[in-house]
Amino acid sequence: MTFQPTTGGQYGGTIEVASNKTGGDSQTTVSGVGELLTRIIALSGNLDFGAVAAGQTAQRTLQVSNLGNSPLSVTAIHFLRASKDHRPAG
């Protein structure tokens, strides 16, 4: 038997096996739960770089986790906006 739900929710019913039996019960109940696939991203880490001297570098770790029940693919990480102008004065 294979269970392949098409949507989330409870499934159930009765299965009957046709045969040339001479005894026994040819029916049994079947049930299952269809779960919706989820990909729930969770980001953590201290990304406060504090004061870093010009020309120097600092590293921090960003942890990306999936709290869902299906594979999460990270395709890119972009720096969107700065709170300070990063161009040298002059």
PDB file of N, CA and C in Angstrom:
ATOM      1  N   MET A   1       0.855  -1.166   0.000  1.00  0.00           N
ATOM      2  CA  MET A   1       0.000   0.000   0.000  1.00  0.00           C
ATOM      3  C   MET A   1       0.904   1.233   0.000  1.00  0.00           C
ATOM      4  N   THR A   2       0.468   2.239  -0.715  1.00  0.00           N
ATOM      5  CA  THR A   2       1.175   3.512  -0.761  1.00  0.00           C
ATOM      6  C   THR A   2       0.186   4.613  -0.421  1.00  0.00           C
ATOM      7  N   PHE A   3       0.583   5.505   0.435  1.00  0.00           N
ATOM      8  CA  PHE A   3      -0.243   6.666   0.805  1.00  0.00           C
ATOM      9  C   PHE A   3       0.410   7.900   0.213  1.00  0.00           C
ATOM     10  N   GLN A   4      -0.303   8.626  -0.655  1.00  0.00           N
ATOM     11  CA  GLN A   4       0.242   9.831  -1.284  1.00  0.00           C
ATOM     12  C   GLN A   4      -0.841  10.907  -1.277  1.00  0.00           C
ATOM     13  N   PRO A   5      -0.956  11.646  -0.167  1.00  0.00           N
ATOM     14  CA  PRO A   5      -2.000  12.674  -0.084  1.00  0.00           C
ATOM     15  C   PRO A   5      -1.724  13.822  -1.060  1.00  0.00           C
ATOM     16  N   THR A   6      -2.783  14.436  -1.546  1.00  0.00           N
ATOM     17  CA  THR A   6      -2.645  15.564  -2.472  1.00  0.00           C
ATOM     18  C   THR A   6      -2.787  16.909  -1.772  1.00  0.00           C
ATOM     19  N   THR A   7      -3.355  16.907  -0.582  1.00  0.00           N
ATOM     20  CA  THR A   7      -3.488  18.117   0.224  1.00  0.00           C
ATOM     21  C   THR A   7      -3.296  17.751   1.692  1.00  0.00           C
ATOM     22  N   GLY A   8      -3.208  18.767   2.535  1.00  0.00           N
ATOM     23  CA  GLY A   8      -3.098  18.517   3.964  1.00  0.00           C
ATOM     24  C   GLY A   8      -4.430  18.098   4.552  1.00  0.00           C
ATOM     25  N   GLY A   9      -4.379  17.341   5.633  1.00  0.00           N
ATOM     26  CA  GLY A   9      -5.592  16.958   6.335  1.00  0.00           C
ATOM     27  C   GLY A   9      -5.641  15.475   6.656  1.00  0.00           C
ATOM     28  N   GLN A  10      -6.713  15.095   7.332  1.00  0.00           N
ATOM     29  CA  GLN A  10      -6.930  13.709   7.747  1.00  0.00           C
ATOM     30  C   GLN A  10      -7.513  12.904   6.584  1.00  0.00           C
ATOM     31  N   TYR A  11      -7.028  11.704   6.426  1.00  0.00           N
ATOM     32  CA  TYR A  11      -7.559  10.779   5.430  1.00  0.00           C
ATOM     33  C   TYR A  11      -7.914   9.484   6.143  1.00  0.00           C
ATOM     34  N   GLY A  12      -8.924   8.825   5.669  1.00  0.00           N
ATOM     35  CA  GLY A  12      -9.284   7.547   6.260  1.00  0.00           C
ATOM     36  C   GLY A  12     -10.339   6.840   5.445  1.00  0.00           C
ATOM     37  N   GLY A  13     -10.458   5.572   5.677  1.00  0.00           N
ATOM     38  CA  GLY A  13     -11.455   4.777   4.973  1.00  0.00           C
ATOM     39  C   GLY A  13     -11.271   3.315   5.274  1.00  0.00           C
ATOM     40  N   THR A  14     -11.839   2.506   4.404  1.00  0.00           N
ATOM     41  CA  THR A  14     -11.792   1.057   4.558  1.00  0.00           C
ATOM     42  C   THR A  14     -11.215   0.447   3.293  1.00  0.00           C
ATOM     43  N   ILE A  15     -10.389  -0.553   3.473  1.00  0.00           N
ATOM     44  CA  ILE A  15      -9.825  -1.305   2.357  1.00  0.00           C
ATOM     45  C   ILE A  15     -10.442  -2.698   2.384  1.00  0.00           C
ATOM     46  N   GLU A  16     -10.810  -3.163   1.199  1.00  0.00           N
ATOM     47  CA  GLU A  16     -11.340  -4.516   1.086  1.00  0.00           C
ATOM     48  C   GLU A  16     -10.493  -5.281   0.082  1.00  0.00           C
ATOM     49  N   VAL A  17     -10.125  -6.486   0.437  1.00  0.00           N
ATOM     50  CA  VAL A  17      -9.340  -7.358  -0.429  1.00  0.00           C
ATOM     51  C   VAL A  17     -10.274  -8.420  -0.998  1.00  0.00           C
ATOM     52  N   ALA A  18     -10.371  -8.446  -2.322  1.00  0.00           N
ATOM     53  CA  ALA A  18     -11.197  -9.462  -2.982  1.00  0.00           C
ATOM     54  C   ALA A  18     -10.358 -10.730  -3.139  1.00  0.00           C
ATOM     55  N   SER A  19     -10.929 -11.840  -2.803  1.00  0.00           N
ATOM     56  CA  SER A  19     -10.191 -13.107  -2.879  1.00  0.00           C
ATOM     57  C   SER A  19     -11.172 -14.279  -2.898  1.00  0.00           C
ATOM     58  N   ASN A  20     -10.631 -15.463  -2.974  1.00  0.00           N
ATOM     59  CA  ASN A  20     -11.461 -16.675  -2.879  1.00  0.00           C
ATOM     60  C   ASN A  20     -11.373 -17.265  -1.464  1.00  0.00           C
ATOM     61  N   LYS A  21     -11.372 -16.397  -0.474  1.00  0.00           N
ATOM     62  CA  LYS A  21     -11.205 -16.820   0.922  1.00  0.00           C
ATOM     63  C   LYS A  21     -12.325 -17.744   1.368  1.00  0.00           C
ATOM     64  N   THR A  22     -12.012 -18.546   2.361  1.00  0.00           N
ATOM     65  CA  THR A  22     -13.031 -19.395   2.995  1.00  0.00           C
ATOM     66  C   THR A  22     -13.297 -18.942   4.425  1.00  0.00           C
ATOM     67  N   GLY A  23     -12.550 -17.931   4.868  1.00  0.00           N
ATOM     68  CA  GLY A  23     -12.754 -17.403   6.203  1.00  0.00           C
ATOM     69  C   GLY A  23     -11.910 -16.160   6.420  1.00  0.00           C
ATOM     70  N   GLY A  24     -12.139 -15.511   7.523  1.00  0.00           N
ATOM     71  CA  GLY A  24     -11.370 -14.320   7.875  1.00  0.00           C
ATOM     72  C   GLY A  24     -12.033 -13.043   7.382  1.00  0.00           C
ATOM     73  N   ASP A  25     -11.565 -11.947   7.864  1.00  0.00           N
ATOM     74  CA  ASP A  25     -12.121 -10.637   7.518  1.00  0.00           C
ATOM     75  C   ASP A  25     -11.329 -10.046   6.346  1.00  0.00           C
ATOM     76  N   SER A  26     -11.992  -9.658   5.303  1.00  0.00           N
ATOM     77  CA  SER A  26     -11.312  -9.117   4.127  1.00  0.00           C
ATOM     78  C   SER A  26     -11.316  -7.595   4.101  1.00  0.00           C
ATOM     79  N   GLN A  27     -11.724  -6.973   5.212  1.00  0.00           N
ATOM     80  CA  GLN A  27     -11.738  -5.522   5.297  1.00  0.00           C
ATOM     81  C   GLN A  27     -10.908  -5.046   6.480  1.00  0.00           C
ATOM     82  N   THR A  28     -10.275  -3.887   6.317  1.00  0.00           N
ATOM     83  CA  THR A  28      -9.539  -3.258   7.412  1.00  0.00           C
ATOM     84  C   THR A  28      -9.593  -1.748   7.219  1.00  0.00           C
ATOM     85  N   THR A  29      -9.404  -1.031   8.287  1.00  0.00           N
ATOM     86  CA  THR A  29      -9.433   0.428   8.188  1.00  0.00           C
ATOM     87  C   THR A  29      -8.042   0.953   7.857  1.00  0.00           C
ATOM     88  N   VAL A  30      -8.021   2.088   7.216  1.00  0.00           N
ATOM     89  CA  VAL A  30      -6.775   2.741   6.848  1.00  0.00           C
ATOM     90  C   VAL A  30      -6.919   4.222   7.174  1.00  0.00           C
ATOM     91  N   SER A  31      -5.808   4.832   7.633  1.00  0.00           N
ATOM     92  CA  SER A  31      -5.853   6.260   7.936  1.00  0.00           C
ATOM     93  C   SER A  31      -4.466   6.864   7.769  1.00  0.00           C
ATOM     94  N   GLY A  32      -4.437   8.148   7.625  1.00  0.00           N
ATOM     95  CA  GLY A  32      -3.177   8.872   7.502  1.00  0.00           C
ATOM     96  C   GLY A  32      -3.441  10.364   7.568  1.00  0.00           C
ATOM     97  N   VAL A  33      -2.383  11.109   7.708  1.00  0.00           N
ATOM     98  CA  VAL A  33      -2.474  12.568   7.760  1.00  0.00           C
ATOM     99  C   VAL A  33      -1.594  13.142   6.657  1.00  0.00           C
ATOM    100  N   GLY A  34      -2.178  13.949   5.820  1.00  0.00           N
ATOM    101  CA  GLY A  34      -1.406  14.656   4.803  1.00  0.00           C
ATOM    102  C   GLY A  34      -0.842  15.934   5.407  1.00  0.00           C
ATOM    103  N   GLU A  35       0.469  16.059   5.397  1.00  0.00           N
ATOM    104  CA  GLU A  35       1.105  17.269   5.936  1.00  0.00           C
ATOM    105  C   GLU A  35       1.473  18.199   4.791  1.00  0.00           C
ATOM    106  N   LEU A  36       1.198  19.467   4.980  1.00  0.00           N
ATOM    107  CA  LEU A  36       1.618  20.446   3.992  1.00  0.00           C
ATOM    108  C   LEU A  36       3.114  20.650   4.113  1.00  0.00           C
ATOM    109  N   LEU A  37       3.790  20.754   2.988  1.00  0.00           N
ATOM    110  CA  LEU A  37       5.232  20.987   3.009  1.00  0.00           C
ATOM    111  C   LEU A  37       5.509  22.434   3.374  1.00  0.00           C
ATOM    112  N   THR A  38       6.438  22.621   4.300  1.00  0.00           N
ATOM    113  CA  THR A  38       6.789  23.975   4.726  1.00  0.00           C
ATOM    114  C   THR A  38       8.295  24.160   4.683  1.00  0.00           C
ATOM    115  N   ARG A  39       8.695  25.370   4.380  1.00  0.00           N
ATOM    116  CA  ARG A  39      10.099  25.782   4.426  1.00  0.00           C
ATOM    117  C   ARG A  39      10.113  27.076   5.234  1.00  0.00           C
ATOM    118  N   ILE A  40      10.487  26.978   6.499  1.00  0.00           N
ATOM    119  CA  ILE A  40      10.436  28.114   7.407  1.00  0.00           C
ATOM    120  C   ILE A  40      11.862  28.507   7.762  1.00  0.00           C
ATOM    121  N   ILE A  41      12.279  29.667   7.273  1.00  0.00           N
ATOM    122  CA  ILE A  41      13.661  30.104   7.484  1.00  0.00           C
ATOM    123  C   ILE A  41      13.793  30.774   8.850  1.00  0.00           C
ATOM    124  N   ALA A  42      14.886  30.492   9.523  1.00  0.00           N
ATOM    125  CA  ALA A  42      15.206  31.126  10.802  1.00  0.00           C
ATOM    126  C   ALA A  42      16.658  31.612  10.719  1.00  0.00           C
ATOM    127  N   LEU A  43      16.872  32.873  11.012  1.00  0.00           N
ATOM    128  CA  LEU A  43      18.209  33.463  10.970  1.00  0.00           C
ATOM    129  C   LEU A  43      18.647  33.800  12.387  1.00  0.00           C
ATOM    130  N   SER A  44      19.904  33.501  12.695  1.00  0.00           N
ATOM    131  CA  SER A  44      20.421  33.845  14.012  1.00  0.00           C
ATOM    132  C   SER A  44      21.900  34.174  13.908  1.00  0.00           C
ATOM    133  N   GLY A  45      22.371  34.855  14.906  1.00  0.00           N
ATOM    134  CA  GLY A  45      23.783  35.235  14.959  1.00  0.00           C
ATOM    135  C   GLY A  45      23.919  36.698  15.328  1.00  0.00           C
ATOM    136  N   ASN A  46      25.025  37.027  15.962  1.00  0.00           N
ATOM    137  CA  ASN A  46      25.311  38.413  16.320  1.00  0.00           C
ATOM    138  C   ASN A  46      26.047  39.050  15.151  1.00  0.00           C
ATOM    139  N   LEU A  47      25.382  39.938  14.427  1.00  0.00           N
ATOM    140  CA  LEU A  47      25.976  40.578  13.261  1.00  0.00           C
ATOM    141  C   LEU A  47      26.362  42.024  13.544  1.00  0.00           C
ATOM    142  N   ASP A  48      26.506  42.376  14.824  1.00  0.00           N
ATOM    143  CA  ASP A  48      26.977  43.714  15.195  1.00  0.00           C
ATOM    144  C   ASP A  48      28.497  43.710  15.100  1.00  0.00           C
ATOM    145  N   PHE A  49      29.029  44.398  14.115  1.00  0.00           N
ATOM    146  CA  PHE A  49      30.474  44.401  13.885  1.00  0.00           C
ATOM    147  C   PHE A  49      31.205  45.404  14.766  1.00  0.00           C
ATOM    148  N   GLY A  50      30.475  46.279  15.435  1.00  0.00           N
ATOM    149  CA  GLY A  50      31.126  47.254  16.309  1.00  0.00           C
ATOM    150  C   GLY A  50      32.073  48.146  15.523  1.00  0.00           C
ATOM    151  N   ALA A  51      33.101  48.664  16.178  1.00  0.00           N
ATOM    152  CA  ALA A  51      34.076  49.548  15.528  1.00  0.00           C
ATOM    153  C   ALA A  51      35.161  48.700  14.875  1.00  0.00           C
ATOM    154  N   VAL A  52      35.335  48.886  13.582  1.00  0.00           N
ATOM    155  CA  VAL A  52      36.370  48.178  12.819  1.00  0.00           C
ATOM    156  C   VAL A  52      37.227  49.242  12.136  1.00  0.00           C
ATOM    157  N   ALA A  53      38.521  49.205  12.378  1.00  0.00           N
ATOM    158  CA  ALA A  53      39.428  50.203  11.802  1.00  0.00           C
ATOM    159  C   ALA A  53      39.385  50.144  10.280  1.00  0.00           C
ATOM    160  N   ALA A  54      39.460  51.310   9.646  1.00  0.00           N
ATOM    161  CA  ALA A  54      39.476  51.384   8.188  1.00  0.00           C
ATOM    162  C   ALA A  54      40.602  50.511   7.644  1.00  0.00           C
ATOM    163  N   GLY A  55      40.290  49.729   6.618  1.00  0.00           N
ATOM    164  CA  GLY A  55      41.274  48.840   6.016  1.00  0.00           C
ATOM    165  C   GLY A  55      41.361  47.477   6.682  1.00  0.00           C
ATOM    166  N   GLN A  56      40.711  47.302   7.821  1.00  0.00           N
ATOM    167  CA  GLN A  56      40.712  46.024   8.537  1.00  0.00           C
ATOM    168  C   GLN A  56      39.417  45.271   8.242  1.00  0.00           C
ATOM    169  N   THR A  57      39.353  44.039   8.627  1.00  0.00           N
ATOM    170  CA  THR A  57      38.141  43.245   8.443  1.00  0.00           C
ATOM    171  C   THR A  57      37.698  42.647   9.765  1.00  0.00           C
ATOM    172  N   ALA A  58      36.440  42.318   9.816  1.00  0.00           N
ATOM    173  CA  ALA A  58      35.873  41.612  10.966  1.00  0.00           C
ATOM    174  C   ALA A  58      34.918  40.562  10.421  1.00  0.00           C
ATOM    175  N   GLN A  59      34.810  39.459  11.103  1.00  0.00           N
ATOM    176  CA  GLN A  59      33.924  38.388  10.657  1.00  0.00           C
ATOM    177  C   GLN A  59      32.895  38.064  11.730  1.00  0.00           C
ATOM    178  N   ARG A  60      31.710  37.752  11.282  1.00  0.00           N
ATOM    179  CA  ARG A  60      30.633  37.283  12.150  1.00  0.00           C
ATOM    180  C   ARG A  60      29.965  36.114  11.432  1.00  0.00           C
ATOM    181  N   THR A  61      29.273  35.284  12.171  1.00  0.00           N
ATOM    182  CA  THR A  61      28.603  34.123  11.597  1.00  0.00           C
ATOM    183  C   THR A  61      27.098  34.331  11.585  1.00  0.00           C
ATOM    184  N   LEU A  62      26.506  34.120  10.420  1.00  0.00           N
ATOM    185  CA  LEU A  62      25.060  34.118  10.256  1.00  0.00           C
ATOM    186  C   LEU A  62      24.638  32.663  10.108  1.00  0.00           C
ATOM    187  N   GLN A  63      23.773  32.200  10.990  1.00  0.00           N
ATOM    188  CA  GLN A  63      23.286  30.826  10.905  1.00  0.00           C
ATOM    189  C   GLN A  63      21.912  30.840  10.250  1.00  0.00           C
ATOM    190  N   VAL A  64      21.767  30.047   9.205  1.00  0.00           N
ATOM    191  CA  VAL A  64      20.500  29.911   8.485  1.00  0.00           C
ATOM    192  C   VAL A  64      19.962  28.517   8.778  1.00  0.00           C
ATOM    193  N   SER A  65      18.749  28.451   9.317  1.00  0.00           N
ATOM    194  CA  SER A  65      18.142  27.169   9.671  1.00  0.00           C
ATOM    195  C   SER A  65      16.791  27.025   8.984  1.00  0.00           C
ATOM    196  N   ASN A  66      16.368  25.796   8.819  1.00  0.00           N
ATOM    197  CA  ASN A  66      15.057  25.491   8.268  1.00  0.00           C
ATOM    198  C   ASN A  66      14.234  24.819   9.359  1.00  0.00           C
ATOM    199  N   LEU A  67      13.162  25.473   9.786  1.00  0.00           N
ATOM    200  CA  LEU A  67      12.290  24.916  10.813  1.00  0.00           C
ATOM    201  C   LEU A  67      11.113  24.166  10.204  1.00  0.00           C
ATOM    202  N   GLY A  68      11.108  24.049   8.885  1.00  0.00           N
ATOM    203  CA  GLY A  68      10.025  23.373   8.185  1.00  0.00           C
ATOM    204  C   GLY A  68      10.277  21.888   8.036  1.00  0.00           C
ATOM    205  N   ASN A  69       9.445  21.254   7.213  1.00  0.00           N
ATOM    206  CA  ASN A  69       9.539  19.803   7.044  1.00  0.00           C
ATOM    207  C   ASN A  69       9.921  19.394   5.621  1.00  0.00           C
ATOM    208  N   SER A  70      10.389  20.359   4.813  1.00  0.00           N
ATOM    209  CA  SER A  70      10.872  20.039   3.473  1.00  0.00           C
ATOM    210  C   SER A  70      12.138  20.853   3.206  1.00  0.00           C
ATOM    211  N   PRO A  71      12.959  20.431   2.260  1.00  0.00           N
ATOM    212  CA  PRO A  71      14.262  21.075   2.043  1.00  0.00           C
ATOM    213  C   PRO A  71      14.151  22.560   1.679  1.00  0.00           C
ATOM    214  N   LEU A  72      15.005  23.356   2.286  1.00  0.00           N
ATOM    215  CA  LEU A  72      15.113  24.787   2.012  1.00  0.00           C
ATOM    216  C   LEU A  72      16.390  25.013   1.218  1.00  0.00           C
ATOM    217  N   SER A  73      16.286  25.692   0.104  1.00  0.00           N
ATOM    218  CA  SER A  73      17.461  26.018  -0.711  1.00  0.00           C
ATOM    219  C   SER A  73      17.762  27.498  -0.589  1.00  0.00           C
ATOM    220  N   VAL A  74      18.942  27.820  -0.081  1.00  0.00           N
ATOM    221  CA  VAL A  74      19.381  29.215  -0.019  1.00  0.00           C
ATOM    222  C   VAL A  74      20.098  29.497  -1.335  1.00  0.00           C
ATOM    223  N   THR A  75      19.577  30.443  -2.097  1.00  0.00           N
ATOM    224  CA  THR A  75      20.126  30.716  -3.424  1.00  0.00           C
ATOM    225  C   THR A  75      21.043  31.930  -3.447  1.00  0.00           C
ATOM    226  N   ALA A  76      20.935  32.813  -2.473  1.00  0.00           N
ATOM    227  CA  ALA A  76      21.805  33.989  -2.419  1.00  0.00           C
ATOM    228  C   ALA A  76      21.614  34.689  -1.083  1.00  0.00           C
ATOM    229  N   ILE A  77      22.612  35.458  -0.707  1.00  0.00           N
ATOM    230  CA  ILE A  77      22.518  36.343   0.449  1.00  0.00           C
ATOM    231  C   ILE A  77      22.998  37.703  -0.023  1.00  0.00           C
ATOM    232  N   HIS A  78      22.159  38.729   0.149  1.00  0.00           N
ATOM    233  CA  HIS A  78      22.465  40.071  -0.349  1.00  0.00           C
ATOM    234  C   HIS A  78      22.502  41.076   0.802  1.00  0.00           C
ATOM    235  N   PHE A  79      23.394  42.030   0.708  1.00  0.00           N
ATOM    236  CA  PHE A  79      23.422  43.174   1.615  1.00  0.00           C
ATOM    237  C   PHE A  79      22.501  44.228   1.005  1.00  0.00           C
ATOM    238  N   LEU A  80      21.408  44.549   1.668  1.00  0.00           N
ATOM    239  CA  LEU A  80      20.394  45.400   1.066  1.00  0.00           C
ATOM    240  C   LEU A  80      20.600  46.890   1.307  1.00  0.00           C
ATOM    241  N   ARG A  81      20.965  47.269   2.520  1.00  0.00           N
ATOM    242  CA  ARG A  81      20.985  48.691   2.841  1.00  0.00           C
ATOM    243  C   ARG A  81      21.947  48.927   3.988  1.00  0.00           C
ATOM    244  N   ALA A  82      22.669  50.006   3.912  1.00  0.00           N
ATOM    245  CA  ALA A  82      23.591  50.378   4.998  1.00  0.00           C
ATOM    246  C   ALA A  82      22.981  51.514   5.791  1.00  0.00           C
ATOM    247  N   SER A  83      23.320  51.572   7.077  1.00  0.00           N
ATOM    248  CA  SER A  83      22.829  52.670   7.918  1.00  0.00           C
ATOM    249  C   SER A  83      23.786  53.869   7.867  1.00  0.00           C
ATOM    250  N   LYS A  84      24.957  53.698   7.301  1.00  0.00           N
ATOM    251  CA  LYS A  84      25.943  54.773   7.153  1.00  0.00           C
ATOM    252  C   LYS A  84      26.447  54.761   5.715  1.00  0.00           C
ATOM    253  N   ASP A  85      26.923  55.915   5.249  1.00  0.00           N
ATOM    254  CA  ASP A  85      27.509  55.993   3.905  1.00  0.00           C
ATOM    255  C   ASP A  85      28.915  55.421   4.000  1.00  0.00           C
ATOM    256  N   HIS A  86      29.200  54.378   3.219  1.00  0.00           N
ATOM    257  CA  HIS A  86      30.472  53.686   3.306  1.00  0.00           C
ATOM    258  C   HIS A  86      31.557  54.273   2.382  1.00  0.00           C
ATOM    259  N   ARG A  87      31.252  55.351   1.669  1.00  0.00           N
ATOM    260  CA  ARG A  87      32.258  55.949   0.789  1.00  0.00           C
ATOM    261  C   ARG A  87      33.136  56.897   1.592  1.00  0.00           C
ATOM    262  N   PRO A  88      34.439  56.899   1.305  1.00  0.00           N
ATOM    263  CA  PRO A  88      35.336  57.816   2.000  1.00  0.00           C
ATOM    264  C   PRO A  88      34.972  59.282   1.689  1.00  0.00           C
ATOM    265  N   ALA A  89      35.125  60.139   2.668  1.00  0.00           N
ATOM    266  CA  ALA A  89      34.859  61.578   2.455  1.00  0.00           C
ATOM    267  C   ALA A  89      35.911  62.153   1.536  1.00  0.00           C
ATOM    268  N   GLY A  90      35.535  63.186   0.802  1.00  0.00           N
ATOM    269  CA  GLY A  90      36.536  63.864  -0.021  1.00  0.00           C
ATOM    270  C   GLY A  90      36.142  63.917  -1.381  1.00  0.00           C
TER     271      GLY A  90
END
